[in-house]
N, C-alpha and C. Protein backbone atom coordinates (compact mmCIF):
# COMPACT_ATOMS: atom_id res chain seq x y z
N UNK A 1 0.84 -1.18 0.00
CA UNK A 1 0.00 0.00 0.00
C UNK A 1 0.89 1.24 0.00
N UNK A 2 0.51 2.23 -0.77
CA UNK A 2 1.25 3.48 -0.83
C UNK A 2 0.49 4.56 -0.07
N UNK A 3 1.26 5.44 0.58
CA UNK A 3 0.65 6.60 1.23
C UNK A 3 1.67 7.73 1.25
N UNK A 4 1.19 8.92 1.43
CA UNK A 4 2.04 10.11 1.42
C UNK A 4 2.83 10.21 2.71
N UNK A 5 4.15 10.22 2.58
CA UNK A 5 4.99 10.40 3.77
C UNK A 5 4.92 11.84 4.28
N UNK A 6 4.62 12.78 3.38
CA UNK A 6 4.48 14.17 3.81
C UNK A 6 3.21 14.38 4.62
N UNK A 7 2.12 13.77 4.17
CA UNK A 7 0.85 13.94 4.89
C UNK A 7 0.83 13.18 6.21
N UNK A 8 1.42 11.99 6.23
CA UNK A 8 1.40 11.21 7.47
C UNK A 8 2.47 11.68 8.45
N UNK A 9 3.60 12.18 7.96
CA UNK A 9 4.70 12.70 8.80
C UNK A 9 5.02 11.75 9.96
N UNK A 10 5.21 10.49 9.64
CA UNK A 10 5.38 9.48 10.68
C UNK A 10 6.59 9.73 11.57
N UNK A 11 7.69 10.22 10.99
CA UNK A 11 8.89 10.43 11.80
C UNK A 11 8.75 11.61 12.76
N UNK A 12 7.72 12.43 12.55
CA UNK A 12 7.47 13.57 13.43
C UNK A 12 6.38 13.29 14.46
N UNK A 13 5.67 12.19 14.30
CA UNK A 13 4.49 11.90 15.11
C UNK A 13 4.86 11.29 16.46
N UNK A 14 4.21 11.78 17.49
CA UNK A 14 4.38 11.25 18.85
C UNK A 14 3.07 10.57 19.26
N UNK A 15 3.16 9.67 20.23
CA UNK A 15 1.97 8.96 20.68
C UNK A 15 0.94 9.89 21.31
N UNK A 16 1.32 11.09 21.64
CA UNK A 16 0.36 12.08 22.15
C UNK A 16 -0.48 12.65 21.01
N UNK A 17 -0.05 12.39 19.76
CA UNK A 17 -0.73 12.93 18.60
C UNK A 17 -0.06 14.18 18.06
N UNK A 18 0.83 14.75 18.84
CA UNK A 18 1.53 15.96 18.40
C UNK A 18 2.61 15.60 17.38
N UNK A 19 2.84 16.52 16.45
CA UNK A 19 3.92 16.37 15.48
C UNK A 19 5.01 17.39 15.82
N UNK A 20 6.22 16.91 15.91
CA UNK A 20 7.36 17.78 16.18
C UNK A 20 8.41 17.52 15.11
N UNK A 21 8.68 18.56 14.33
CA UNK A 21 9.65 18.43 13.24
C UNK A 21 11.05 18.22 13.80
N UNK A 22 11.81 17.34 13.13
CA UNK A 22 13.18 17.04 13.52
C UNK A 22 14.11 17.35 12.35
N UNK A 23 15.38 17.49 12.67
CA UNK A 23 16.39 17.58 11.62
C UNK A 23 16.56 16.18 11.04
N UNK A 24 16.88 16.09 9.77
CA UNK A 24 17.08 14.80 9.14
C UNK A 24 18.22 14.02 9.80
N UNK A 25 19.18 14.74 10.36
CA UNK A 25 20.32 14.09 11.01
C UNK A 25 19.96 13.44 12.35
N UNK A 26 18.81 13.78 12.91
CA UNK A 26 18.38 13.19 14.18
C UNK A 26 17.83 11.80 13.91
N UNK A 27 18.57 10.77 14.30
CA UNK A 27 18.20 9.40 13.96
C UNK A 27 17.41 8.69 15.05
N UNK A 28 17.28 9.31 16.21
CA UNK A 28 16.54 8.70 17.31
C UNK A 28 15.27 9.51 17.57
N UNK A 29 14.16 8.81 17.69
CA UNK A 29 12.88 9.43 18.01
C UNK A 29 12.71 9.37 19.53
N UNK A 30 12.65 10.53 20.15
CA UNK A 30 12.39 10.61 21.60
C UNK A 30 10.93 11.00 21.76
N UNK A 31 10.09 10.02 22.01
CA UNK A 31 8.66 10.28 22.09
C UNK A 31 8.32 11.04 23.36
N UNK A 32 7.29 11.87 23.28
CA UNK A 32 6.87 12.66 24.43
C UNK A 32 6.34 11.80 25.57
N UNK A 33 6.03 10.56 25.28
CA UNK A 33 5.54 9.67 26.34
C UNK A 33 6.67 9.00 27.10
N UNK A 34 7.93 9.21 26.65
CA UNK A 34 9.07 8.77 27.43
C UNK A 34 9.96 7.69 26.86
N UNK A 35 9.65 7.13 25.71
CA UNK A 35 10.53 6.10 25.16
C UNK A 35 11.38 6.67 24.03
N UNK A 36 12.44 5.94 23.70
CA UNK A 36 13.30 6.31 22.58
C UNK A 36 13.37 5.12 21.62
N UNK A 37 13.37 5.41 20.32
CA UNK A 37 13.40 4.35 19.31
C UNK A 37 14.09 4.92 18.07
N UNK A 38 14.81 4.07 17.35
CA UNK A 38 15.43 4.51 16.11
C UNK A 38 14.34 5.07 15.20
N UNK A 39 14.61 6.21 14.62
CA UNK A 39 13.60 6.95 13.85
C UNK A 39 13.00 6.12 12.71
N UNK A 40 13.84 5.43 11.95
CA UNK A 40 13.33 4.65 10.81
C UNK A 40 12.46 3.48 11.27
N UNK A 41 12.86 2.83 12.36
CA UNK A 41 12.06 1.72 12.88
C UNK A 41 10.71 2.21 13.39
N UNK A 42 10.73 3.34 14.09
CA UNK A 42 9.47 3.86 14.62
C UNK A 42 8.54 4.28 13.49
N UNK A 43 9.09 4.92 12.46
CA UNK A 43 8.27 5.30 11.31
C UNK A 43 7.69 4.08 10.61
N UNK A 44 8.50 3.03 10.47
CA UNK A 44 8.01 1.80 9.85
C UNK A 44 6.90 1.17 10.69
N UNK A 45 7.09 1.20 12.00
CA UNK A 45 6.05 0.68 12.90
C UNK A 45 4.75 1.44 12.70
N UNK A 46 4.82 2.76 12.73
CA UNK A 46 3.61 3.56 12.54
C UNK A 46 2.98 3.32 11.17
N UNK A 47 3.83 3.07 10.17
CA UNK A 47 3.32 2.82 8.82
C UNK A 47 2.38 1.63 8.74
N UNK A 48 2.52 0.70 9.66
CA UNK A 48 1.61 -0.45 9.71
C UNK A 48 0.18 -0.03 10.03
N UNK A 49 0.02 1.16 10.58
CA UNK A 49 -1.29 1.61 11.04
C UNK A 49 -1.87 2.74 10.19
N UNK A 50 -1.36 2.87 8.97
CA UNK A 50 -1.93 3.83 8.02
C UNK A 50 -2.97 3.08 7.20
N UNK A 51 -4.18 3.62 7.14
CA UNK A 51 -5.26 2.92 6.43
C UNK A 51 -5.23 3.22 4.92
N UNK A 52 -6.18 2.66 4.19
CA UNK A 52 -6.24 2.81 2.73
C UNK A 52 -6.40 4.25 2.29
N UNK A 53 -6.97 5.09 3.16
CA UNK A 53 -7.15 6.50 2.83
C UNK A 53 -5.92 7.34 3.17
N UNK A 54 -4.87 6.69 3.68
CA UNK A 54 -3.65 7.40 4.03
C UNK A 54 -3.70 8.09 5.38
N UNK A 55 -4.59 7.62 6.26
CA UNK A 55 -4.75 8.21 7.59
C UNK A 55 -4.10 7.29 8.62
N UNK A 56 -3.27 7.87 9.47
CA UNK A 56 -2.63 7.11 10.54
C UNK A 56 -3.65 6.86 11.65
N UNK A 57 -3.86 5.59 11.98
CA UNK A 57 -4.75 5.21 13.07
C UNK A 57 -3.89 5.08 14.33
N UNK A 58 -3.56 6.24 14.89
CA UNK A 58 -2.61 6.32 15.99
C UNK A 58 -3.06 5.53 17.21
N UNK A 59 -4.35 5.53 17.48
CA UNK A 59 -4.85 4.81 18.66
C UNK A 59 -4.51 3.31 18.60
N UNK A 60 -4.52 2.74 17.39
CA UNK A 60 -4.16 1.32 17.25
C UNK A 60 -2.66 1.11 17.48
N UNK A 61 -1.85 2.04 16.99
CA UNK A 61 -0.40 1.95 17.20
C UNK A 61 -0.07 2.03 18.68
N UNK A 62 -0.75 2.92 19.39
CA UNK A 62 -0.53 3.07 20.83
C UNK A 62 -0.95 1.79 21.56
N UNK A 63 -2.11 1.24 21.18
CA UNK A 63 -2.61 0.02 21.82
C UNK A 63 -1.65 -1.15 21.69
N UNK A 64 -1.00 -1.26 20.53
CA UNK A 64 -0.14 -2.41 20.26
C UNK A 64 1.33 -2.17 20.59
N UNK A 65 1.67 -0.96 21.03
CA UNK A 65 3.06 -0.60 21.27
C UNK A 65 3.74 -1.48 22.32
N UNK A 66 3.10 -1.66 23.45
CA UNK A 66 3.72 -2.41 24.54
C UNK A 66 4.15 -3.81 24.10
N UNK A 67 3.34 -4.42 23.28
CA UNK A 67 3.65 -5.76 22.77
C UNK A 67 4.72 -5.72 21.68
N UNK A 68 4.76 -4.66 20.90
CA UNK A 68 5.67 -4.57 19.75
C UNK A 68 7.04 -4.01 20.08
N UNK A 69 7.14 -3.17 21.09
CA UNK A 69 8.39 -2.47 21.39
C UNK A 69 9.59 -3.41 21.56
N UNK A 70 9.48 -4.51 22.31
CA UNK A 70 10.65 -5.38 22.47
C UNK A 70 11.17 -5.94 21.14
N UNK A 71 10.28 -6.22 20.20
CA UNK A 71 10.68 -6.74 18.90
C UNK A 71 11.44 -5.68 18.09
N UNK A 72 11.02 -4.44 18.22
CA UNK A 72 11.70 -3.36 17.51
C UNK A 72 13.09 -3.13 18.08
N UNK A 73 13.22 -3.18 19.40
CA UNK A 73 14.55 -3.05 20.01
C UNK A 73 15.46 -4.21 19.58
N UNK A 74 14.91 -5.40 19.52
CA UNK A 74 15.68 -6.57 19.09
C UNK A 74 16.12 -6.42 17.63
N UNK A 75 15.24 -5.91 16.78
CA UNK A 75 15.58 -5.69 15.38
C UNK A 75 16.72 -4.68 15.26
N UNK A 76 16.69 -3.64 16.06
CA UNK A 76 17.75 -2.63 16.04
C UNK A 76 19.09 -3.24 16.48
N UNK A 77 19.06 -4.06 17.52
CA UNK A 77 20.29 -4.72 17.98
C UNK A 77 20.85 -5.63 16.89
N UNK A 78 19.98 -6.41 16.26
CA UNK A 78 20.41 -7.31 15.18
C UNK A 78 21.04 -6.52 14.04
N UNK A 79 20.43 -5.39 13.69
CA UNK A 79 20.96 -4.55 12.63
C UNK A 79 22.36 -4.06 12.98
N UNK A 80 22.54 -3.59 14.21
CA UNK A 80 23.84 -3.08 14.63
C UNK A 80 24.90 -4.18 14.61
N UNK A 81 24.55 -5.37 15.08
CA UNK A 81 25.49 -6.49 15.08
C UNK A 81 25.89 -6.85 13.66
N UNK A 82 24.91 -6.96 12.76
CA UNK A 82 25.20 -7.31 11.37
C UNK A 82 26.01 -6.23 10.67
N UNK A 83 25.71 -4.97 10.97
CA UNK A 83 26.46 -3.87 10.37
C UNK A 83 27.92 -3.93 10.80
N UNK A 84 28.16 -4.21 12.07
CA UNK A 84 29.53 -4.33 12.56
C UNK A 84 30.25 -5.51 11.91
N UNK A 85 29.56 -6.62 11.76
CA UNK A 85 30.16 -7.80 11.12
C UNK A 85 30.50 -7.53 9.66
N UNK A 86 29.60 -6.84 8.98
CA UNK A 86 29.78 -6.59 7.56
C UNK A 86 30.60 -5.35 7.27
N UNK A 87 30.82 -4.54 8.26
CA UNK A 87 31.51 -3.26 8.07
C UNK A 87 32.81 -3.38 7.32
N UNK A 88 33.66 -4.29 7.74
CA UNK A 88 34.96 -4.43 7.09
C UNK A 88 34.81 -4.96 5.68
N UNK A 89 33.97 -5.96 5.46
CA UNK A 89 33.81 -6.50 4.11
C UNK A 89 33.14 -5.49 3.20
N UNK A 90 32.23 -4.67 3.72
CA UNK A 90 31.60 -3.62 2.92
C UNK A 90 32.62 -2.58 2.52
N UNK A 91 33.50 -2.23 3.47
CA UNK A 91 34.55 -1.25 3.18
C UNK A 91 35.44 -1.76 2.05
N UNK A 92 35.80 -3.03 2.10
CA UNK A 92 36.64 -3.61 1.06
C UNK A 92 35.92 -3.62 -0.28
N UNK A 93 34.63 -3.95 -0.27
CA UNK A 93 33.86 -3.99 -1.52
C UNK A 93 33.76 -2.61 -2.13
N UNK A 94 33.52 -1.59 -1.31
CA UNK A 94 33.43 -0.23 -1.82
C UNK A 94 34.77 0.21 -2.38
N UNK A 95 35.86 -0.09 -1.68
CA UNK A 95 37.19 0.27 -2.16
C UNK A 95 37.47 -0.39 -3.49
N UNK A 96 37.11 -1.66 -3.61
CA UNK A 96 37.33 -2.38 -4.85
C UNK A 96 36.49 -1.76 -5.97
N UNK A 97 35.23 -1.45 -5.69
CA UNK A 97 34.34 -0.87 -6.70
C UNK A 97 34.86 0.47 -7.17
N UNK A 98 35.29 1.31 -6.26
CA UNK A 98 35.81 2.62 -6.63
C UNK A 98 37.05 2.48 -7.50
N UNK A 99 37.90 1.52 -7.16
CA UNK A 99 39.08 1.29 -7.97
C UNK A 99 38.73 0.79 -9.36
N UNK A 100 37.74 -0.08 -9.45
CA UNK A 100 37.32 -0.63 -10.74
C UNK A 100 36.74 0.46 -11.63
N UNK A 101 36.02 1.40 -11.04
CA UNK A 101 35.43 2.50 -11.81
C UNK A 101 36.53 3.36 -12.40
N UNK A 102 37.59 3.59 -11.64
CA UNK A 102 38.70 4.42 -12.11
C UNK A 102 39.65 3.64 -13.01
N UNK A 103 39.41 2.36 -13.15
CA UNK A 103 40.28 1.55 -13.98
C UNK A 103 41.46 0.96 -13.23
N UNK A 104 41.48 1.11 -11.93
CA UNK A 104 42.55 0.54 -11.12
C UNK A 104 41.93 -0.20 -9.95
N UNK A 105 42.67 -1.08 -9.37
CA UNK A 105 42.22 -1.78 -8.17
C UNK A 105 43.23 -1.47 -7.07
N UNK A 106 42.74 -0.90 -6.00
CA UNK A 106 43.61 -0.58 -4.87
C UNK A 106 43.60 -1.72 -3.89
N UNK A 107 44.72 -1.99 -3.32
CA UNK A 107 44.79 -2.96 -2.23
C UNK A 107 44.57 -2.21 -0.94
N UNK A 108 43.79 -2.79 -0.06
CA UNK A 108 43.52 -2.15 1.23
C UNK A 108 44.43 -2.68 2.29
């Protein structure tokens, strides 16, 4: 399902219903109700509660939050672990790709 990210403003939405604009560089959502969550994960979570008309059903997101929050924290931890594991191999792949584009291959 597609919906307008500008109209829903999920990354700005708090469980109180208030929208507070953030800088794009702010990667953590500090909700007014007291919890903190990675901005992209929280936006994705809220996206589950946007209906066919593009309206966020915030009351449903709030109702299901207590049950869902531990899974979102676990997903964030898994992402960080995998990123750290892949970090070195990704760095090597990028270095190789950049060298190939320039017609040379650099050793790292």
